Amino acid sequence: MAKRRLGVGFVGAGFITRFHIRSWLGVRDADIMGIVSRTEDKANEAASLARKLNVGEAKAYKSATDMVADPAIDAIWICAPNFTRLENMEEIVSALEKGKGELIGVTCEKPLGRNVKEARTMLELAQKAGLLDGYLENQVFAPAVVRGKEIIWKRGAAISGRPYLARAAEEHSGPHMPWFWEG
């Protein structure tokens, strides 16, 4: 018996969600099935983009609770603005606790919270609901960041011991991997 494809819903319909939708062309065994946004038009536009790119039969939802209730949704990616993420997670967990639906997991775009307390609460809520959890952070794999880490560990650690903090600045120029530029 073939396994069913994973159905993913997004909370948020702005830049980063649309970025993830476009990148979904490289994802196997999962489909974008839903979008919820504070702005209904944006949710409809993002769902339309997913359908147009043939990465899932996404539809717009009026609330995260409605999305949780849809059996086609197995996991949720929280990509809404930073100041809404905790309330989004609370709504998702509340819907699950009330038996509105079932989920396998939830993941959140960076940052997980606006401070350490919010980040810990996000993780605690996911664990309380029995969800697999993830954190959407791509910069740690960017070639410049990987190379910087190598240099710091090779040169800095040899002189001063284990590094504990490094700072760098970069303008966001889109994905750093060849697939983005080569098509």
C-alpha atoms as a PDB file:
ATOM      1  CA  MET A   1       0.000   0.000   0.000  1.00  0.00           C
ATOM      2  CA  ALA A   2       1.397   3.401  -0.981  1.00  0.00           C
ATOM      3  CA  LYS A   3       1.873   5.993   1.719  1.00  0.00           C
ATOM      4  CA  ARG A   4      -0.250   9.107   1.450  1.00  0.00           C
ATOM      5  CA  ARG A   5       1.599  12.310   0.604  1.00  0.00           C
ATOM      6  CA  LEU A   6       2.078  14.742   3.478  1.00  0.00           C
ATOM      7  CA  GLY A   7      -0.362  17.652   3.363  1.00  0.00           C
ATOM      8  CA  VAL A   8       1.142  20.915   4.597  1.00  0.00           C
ATOM      9  CA  GLY A   9      -0.631  24.128   5.538  1.00  0.00           C
ATOM     10  CA  PHE A  10       0.971  27.539   5.938  1.00  0.00           C
ATOM     11  CA  VAL A  11       0.096  30.208   8.479  1.00  0.00           C
ATOM     12  CA  GLY A  12       0.975  33.470   6.755  1.00  0.00           C
ATOM     13  CA  ALA A  13       0.839  34.431   3.089  1.00  0.00           C
ATOM     14  CA  GLY A  14       3.580  37.015   2.714  1.00  0.00           C
ATOM     15  CA  PHE A  15       7.066  37.031   1.218  1.00  0.00           C
ATOM     16  CA  ILE A  16       8.515  34.063   3.085  1.00  0.00           C
ATOM     17  CA  THR A  17       5.486  31.829   2.496  1.00  0.00           C
ATOM     18  CA  ARG A  18       5.605  32.611  -1.222  1.00  0.00           C
ATOM     19  CA  PHE A  19       9.336  31.883  -1.141  1.00  0.00           C
ATOM     20  CA  HIS A  20       8.616  28.460   0.399  1.00  0.00           C
ATOM     21  CA  ILE A  21       5.843  27.817  -2.135  1.00  0.00           C
ATOM     22  CA  ARG A  22       8.260  28.419  -5.022  1.00  0.00           C
ATOM     23  CA  SER A  23      10.898  26.223  -3.408  1.00  0.00           C
ATOM     24  CA  TRP A  24       8.324  23.420  -3.030  1.00  0.00           C
ATOM     25  CA  LEU A  25       9.075  22.421  -6.626  1.00  0.00           C
ATOM     26  CA  GLY A  26      12.042  20.527  -5.168  1.00  0.00           C
ATOM     27  CA  VAL A  27      10.062  18.774  -2.415  1.00  0.00           C
ATOM     28  CA  ARG A  28       9.052  15.137  -2.747  1.00  0.00           C
ATOM     29  CA  ASP A  29       6.124  13.330  -1.119  1.00  0.00           C
ATOM     30  CA  ALA A  30       4.418  16.454   0.249  1.00  0.00           C
ATOM     31  CA  ASP A  31       1.849  18.911  -1.068  1.00  0.00           C
ATOM     32  CA  ILE A  32       0.819  22.395  -0.019  1.00  0.00           C
ATOM     33  CA  MET A  33      -2.833  22.001   0.901  1.00  0.00           C
ATOM     34  CA  GLY A  34      -3.697  25.201   2.724  1.00  0.00           C
ATOM     35  CA  ILE A  35      -2.917  28.809   3.521  1.00  0.00           C
ATOM     36  CA  VAL A  36      -4.332  30.991   6.267  1.00  0.00           C
ATOM     37  CA  SER A  37      -3.574  34.680   6.622  1.00  0.00           C
ATOM     38  CA  ARG A  38      -4.849  37.688   8.529  1.00  0.00           C
ATOM     39  CA  THR A  39      -5.674  39.050   5.053  1.00  0.00           C
ATOM     40  CA  GLU A  40      -8.095  36.839   3.114  1.00  0.00           C
ATOM     41  CA  ASP A  41      -6.970  38.168  -0.284  1.00  0.00           C
ATOM     42  CA  LYS A  42      -3.339  37.271   0.473  1.00  0.00           C
ATOM     43  CA  ALA A  43      -4.341  33.762   1.535  1.00  0.00           C
ATOM     44  CA  ASN A  44      -6.259  33.321  -1.725  1.00  0.00           C
ATOM     45  CA  GLU A  45      -3.325  34.651  -3.779  1.00  0.00           C
ATOM     46  CA  ALA A  46      -0.804  32.354  -2.073  1.00  0.00           C
ATOM     47  CA  ALA A  47      -3.100  29.328  -2.464  1.00  0.00           C
ATOM     48  CA  SER A  48      -3.532  30.228  -6.130  1.00  0.00           C
ATOM     49  CA  LEU A  49       0.260  30.403  -6.561  1.00  0.00           C
ATOM     50  CA  ALA A  50       0.658  26.914  -5.069  1.00  0.00           C
ATOM     51  CA  ARG A  51      -1.981  25.522  -7.431  1.00  0.00           C
ATOM     52  CA  LYS A  52      -0.462  27.340 -10.417  1.00  0.00           C
ATOM     53  CA  LEU A  53       2.968  25.847  -9.646  1.00  0.00           C
ATOM     54  CA  ASN A  54       1.335  22.428  -9.212  1.00  0.00           C
ATOM     55  CA  VAL A  55       2.746  21.931  -5.719  1.00  0.00           C
ATOM     56  CA  GLY A  56      -0.597  21.091  -4.143  1.00  0.00           C
ATOM     57  CA  GLU A  57      -4.314  21.768  -4.222  1.00  0.00           C
ATOM     58  CA  ALA A  58      -4.006  24.574  -1.699  1.00  0.00           C
ATOM     59  CA  LYS A  59      -7.065  26.402  -0.513  1.00  0.00           C
ATOM     60  CA  ALA A  60      -7.434  29.463   1.669  1.00  0.00           C
ATOM     61  CA  TYR A  61      -8.746  29.098   5.211  1.00  0.00           C
ATOM     62  CA  LYS A  62     -10.304  31.723   7.445  1.00  0.00           C
ATOM     63  CA  SER A  63      -8.454  30.529  10.569  1.00  0.00           C
ATOM     64  CA  ALA A  64      -5.730  28.185  11.732  1.00  0.00           C
ATOM     65  CA  THR A  65      -8.450  26.255  13.575  1.00  0.00           C
ATOM     66  CA  ASP A  66     -10.259  25.648  10.276  1.00  0.00           C
ATOM     67  CA  MET A  67      -7.012  24.455   8.714  1.00  0.00           C
ATOM     68  CA  VAL A  68      -6.303  22.071  11.619  1.00  0.00           C
ATOM     69  CA  ALA A  69      -9.812  20.629  11.167  1.00  0.00           C
ATOM     70  CA  ASP A  70      -9.144  19.650   7.541  1.00  0.00           C
ATOM     71  CA  PRO A  71      -7.971  16.008   7.352  1.00  0.00           C
ATOM     72  CA  ALA A  72      -5.868  16.933   4.295  1.00  0.00           C
ATOM     73  CA  ILE A  73      -3.544  18.951   6.571  1.00  0.00           C
ATOM     74  CA  ASP A  74      -0.913  16.853   8.365  1.00  0.00           C
ATOM     75  CA  ALA A  75       1.601  19.538   9.310  1.00  0.00           C
ATOM     76  CA  ILE A  76       1.665  23.307   9.621  1.00  0.00           C
ATOM     77  CA  TRP A  77       4.451  25.755   8.825  1.00  0.00           C
ATOM     78  CA  ILE A  78       4.159  29.009  10.764  1.00  0.00           C
ATOM     79  CA  CYS A  79       5.486  31.800   8.549  1.00  0.00           C
ATOM     80  CA  ALA A  80       3.332  34.670   9.789  1.00  0.00           C
ATOM     81  CA  PRO A  81       4.840  37.899  11.150  1.00  0.00           C
ATOM     82  CA  ASN A  82       7.001  37.488  14.258  1.00  0.00           C
ATOM     83  CA  PHE A  83       4.542  39.236  16.575  1.00  0.00           C
ATOM     84  CA  THR A  84       1.767  36.751  15.676  1.00  0.00           C
ATOM     85  CA  ARG A  85       3.641  33.458  15.907  1.00  0.00           C
ATOM     86  CA  LEU A  86       2.934  32.647  19.533  1.00  0.00           C
ATOM     87  CA  GLU A  87      -0.789  33.367  19.168  1.00  0.00           C
ATOM     88  CA  ASN A  88      -0.810  31.221  15.998  1.00  0.00           C
ATOM     89  CA  MET A  89       0.773  28.324  17.887  1.00  0.00           C
ATOM     90  CA  GLU A  90      -1.664  28.775  20.769  1.00  0.00           C
ATOM     91  CA  GLU A  91      -4.590  28.630  18.333  1.00  0.00           C
ATOM     92  CA  ILE A  92      -3.231  25.482  16.667  1.00  0.00           C
ATOM     93  CA  VAL A  93      -2.684  23.707  19.991  1.00  0.00           C
ATOM     94  CA  SER A  94      -6.080  24.828  21.302  1.00  0.00           C
ATOM     95  CA  ALA A  95      -7.770  23.392  18.206  1.00  0.00           C
ATOM     96  CA  LEU A  96      -5.952  20.092  18.712  1.00  0.00           C
ATOM     97  CA  GLU A  97      -6.841  19.960  22.410  1.00  0.00           C
ATOM     98  CA  LYS A  98     -10.503  20.550  21.554  1.00  0.00           C
ATOM     99  CA  GLY A  99     -10.403  17.622  19.118  1.00  0.00           C
ATOM    100  CA  LYS A 100     -10.922  19.804  16.035  1.00  0.00           C
ATOM    101  CA  GLY A 101      -8.359  17.807  14.057  1.00  0.00           C
ATOM    102  CA  GLU A 102      -5.076  15.924  14.090  1.00  0.00           C
ATOM    103  CA  LEU A 103      -1.583  16.951  13.066  1.00  0.00           C
ATOM    104  CA  ILE A 104       1.759  15.182  12.863  1.00  0.00           C
ATOM    105  CA  GLY A 105       3.937  18.228  13.237  1.00  0.00           C
ATOM    106  CA  VAL A 106       4.503  21.957  13.200  1.00  0.00           C
ATOM    107  CA  THR A 107       7.489  24.033  12.183  1.00  0.00           C
ATOM    108  CA  CYS A 108       8.250  27.718  12.464  1.00  0.00           C
ATOM    109  CA  GLU A 109      10.168  30.128  10.280  1.00  0.00           C
ATOM    110  CA  LYS A 110      13.000  31.989  11.966  1.00  0.00           C
ATOM    111  CA  PRO A 111      12.888  33.522  14.491  1.00  0.00           C
ATOM    112  CA  LEU A 112      11.031  31.079  16.682  1.00  0.00           C
ATOM    113  CA  GLY A 113      10.090  33.894  19.045  1.00  0.00           C
ATOM    114  CA  ARG A 114      10.796  37.550  19.663  1.00  0.00           C
ATOM    115  CA  ASN A 115      12.689  36.571  22.798  1.00  0.00           C
ATOM    116  CA  VAL A 116      13.851  33.439  24.609  1.00  0.00           C
ATOM    117  CA  LYS A 117      10.644  33.194  26.661  1.00  0.00           C
ATOM    118  CA  GLU A 118       8.470  33.137  23.520  1.00  0.00           C
ATOM    119  CA  ALA A 119      10.767  30.619  21.832  1.00  0.00           C
ATOM    120  CA  ARG A 120      10.581  28.303  24.843  1.00  0.00           C
ATOM    121  CA  THR A 121       6.801  28.666  24.977  1.00  0.00           C
ATOM    122  CA  MET A 122       6.539  27.759  21.274  1.00  0.00           C
ATOM    123  CA  LEU A 123       8.545  24.589  21.879  1.00  0.00           C
ATOM    124  CA  GLU A 124       6.605  23.724  25.046  1.00  0.00           C
ATOM    125  CA  LEU A 125       3.290  24.088  23.198  1.00  0.00           C
ATOM    126  CA  ALA A 126       4.447  21.792  20.383  1.00  0.00           C
ATOM    127  CA  GLN A 127       5.625  19.203  22.898  1.00  0.00           C
ATOM    128  CA  LYS A 128       2.430  19.524  24.962  1.00  0.00           C
ATOM    129  CA  ALA A 129       0.397  18.754  21.830  1.00  0.00           C
ATOM    130  CA  GLY A 130       2.624  15.774  20.985  1.00  0.00           C
ATOM    131  CA  LEU A 131       3.739  17.320  17.696  1.00  0.00           C
ATOM    132  CA  LEU A 132       6.980  16.789  15.880  1.00  0.00           C
ATOM    133  CA  ASP A 133       8.586  20.197  15.737  1.00  0.00           C
ATOM    134  CA  GLY A 134      11.034  21.947  13.465  1.00  0.00           C
ATOM    135  CA  TYR A 135      12.705  25.275  12.880  1.00  0.00           C
ATOM    136  CA  LEU A 136      13.067  26.743   9.388  1.00  0.00           C
ATOM    137  CA  GLU A 137      16.608  28.133   9.301  1.00  0.00           C
ATOM    138  CA  ASN A 138      18.550  28.015   6.071  1.00  0.00           C
ATOM    139  CA  GLN A 139      21.398  30.414   6.783  1.00  0.00           C
ATOM    140  CA  VAL A 140      23.438  27.886   8.752  1.00  0.00           C
ATOM    141  CA  PHE A 141      23.954  26.004   5.476  1.00  0.00           C
ATOM    142  CA  ALA A 142      24.739  29.019   3.296  1.00  0.00           C
ATOM    143  CA  PRO A 143      28.221  28.574   1.784  1.00  0.00           C
ATOM    144  CA  ALA A 144      29.526  31.846   3.256  1.00  0.00           C
ATOM    145  CA  VAL A 145      28.336  30.886   6.745  1.00  0.00           C
ATOM    146  CA  VAL A 146      29.788  27.372   6.478  1.00  0.00           C
ATOM    147  CA  ARG A 147      33.116  28.816   5.306  1.00  0.00           C
ATOM    148  CA  GLY A 148      33.088  31.410   8.078  1.00  0.00           C
ATOM    149  CA  LYS A 149      32.591  28.689  10.663  1.00  0.00           C
ATOM    150  CA  GLU A 150      35.494  26.705   9.208  1.00  0.00           C
ATOM    151  CA  ILE A 151      37.781  29.748   9.380  1.00  0.00           C
ATOM    152  CA  ILE A 152      36.747  30.644  12.928  1.00  0.00           C
ATOM    153  CA  TRP A 153      37.321  27.111  14.174  1.00  0.00           C
ATOM    154  CA  LYS A 154      40.608  26.663  12.332  1.00  0.00           C
ATOM    155  CA  ARG A 155      42.196  30.029  13.104  1.00  0.00           C
ATOM    156  CA  GLY A 156      40.330  31.457  16.078  1.00  0.00           C
ATOM    157  CA  ALA A 157      40.043  28.304  18.144  1.00  0.00           C
ATOM    158  CA  ALA A 158      43.739  27.568  17.670  1.00  0.00           C
ATOM    159  CA  ILE A 159      44.614  30.896  19.286  1.00  0.00           C
ATOM    160  CA  SER A 160      41.885  31.649  21.796  1.00  0.00           C
ATOM    161  CA  GLY A 161      39.990  28.436  22.429  1.00  0.00           C
ATOM    162  CA  ARG A 162      36.431  27.460  21.646  1.00  0.00           C
ATOM    163  CA  PRO A 163      34.491  30.255  19.904  1.00  0.00           C
ATOM    164  CA  TYR A 164      31.156  31.140  21.456  1.00  0.00           C
ATOM    165  CA  LEU A 165      29.979  34.073  19.335  1.00  0.00           C
ATOM    166  CA  ALA A 166      30.577  35.326  15.827  1.00  0.00           C
ATOM    167  CA  ARG A 167      28.822  38.187  14.061  1.00  0.00           C
ATOM    168  CA  ALA A 168      28.465  38.828  10.371  1.00  0.00           C
ATOM    169  CA  ALA A 169      26.256  40.894   8.097  1.00  0.00           C
ATOM    170  CA  GLU A 170      24.855  40.078   4.692  1.00  0.00           C
ATOM    171  CA  GLU A 171      22.209  41.540   2.449  1.00  0.00           C
ATOM    172  CA  HIS A 172      19.586  38.961   1.528  1.00  0.00           C
ATOM    173  CA  SER A 173      20.055  38.177  -2.122  1.00  0.00           C
ATOM    174  CA  GLY A 174      17.804  35.156  -2.316  1.00  0.00           C
ATOM    175  CA  PRO A 175      18.787  31.516  -1.994  1.00  0.00           C
ATOM    176  CA  HIS A 176      22.503  30.845  -1.991  1.00  0.00           C
ATOM    177  CA  MET A 177      22.323  27.533  -3.784  1.00  0.00           C
ATOM    178  CA  PRO A 178      22.753  27.003  -7.536  1.00  0.00           C
ATOM    179  CA  TRP A 179      19.231  25.592  -8.048  1.00  0.00           C
ATOM    180  CA  PHE A 180      17.798  29.089  -7.582  1.00  0.00           C
ATOM    181  CA  TRP A 181      20.001  30.726 -10.180  1.00  0.00           C
ATOM    182  CA  GLU A 182      20.257  27.828 -12.642  1.00  0.00           C
ATOM    183  CA  GLY A 183      16.546  27.024 -12.708  1.00  0.00           C
END
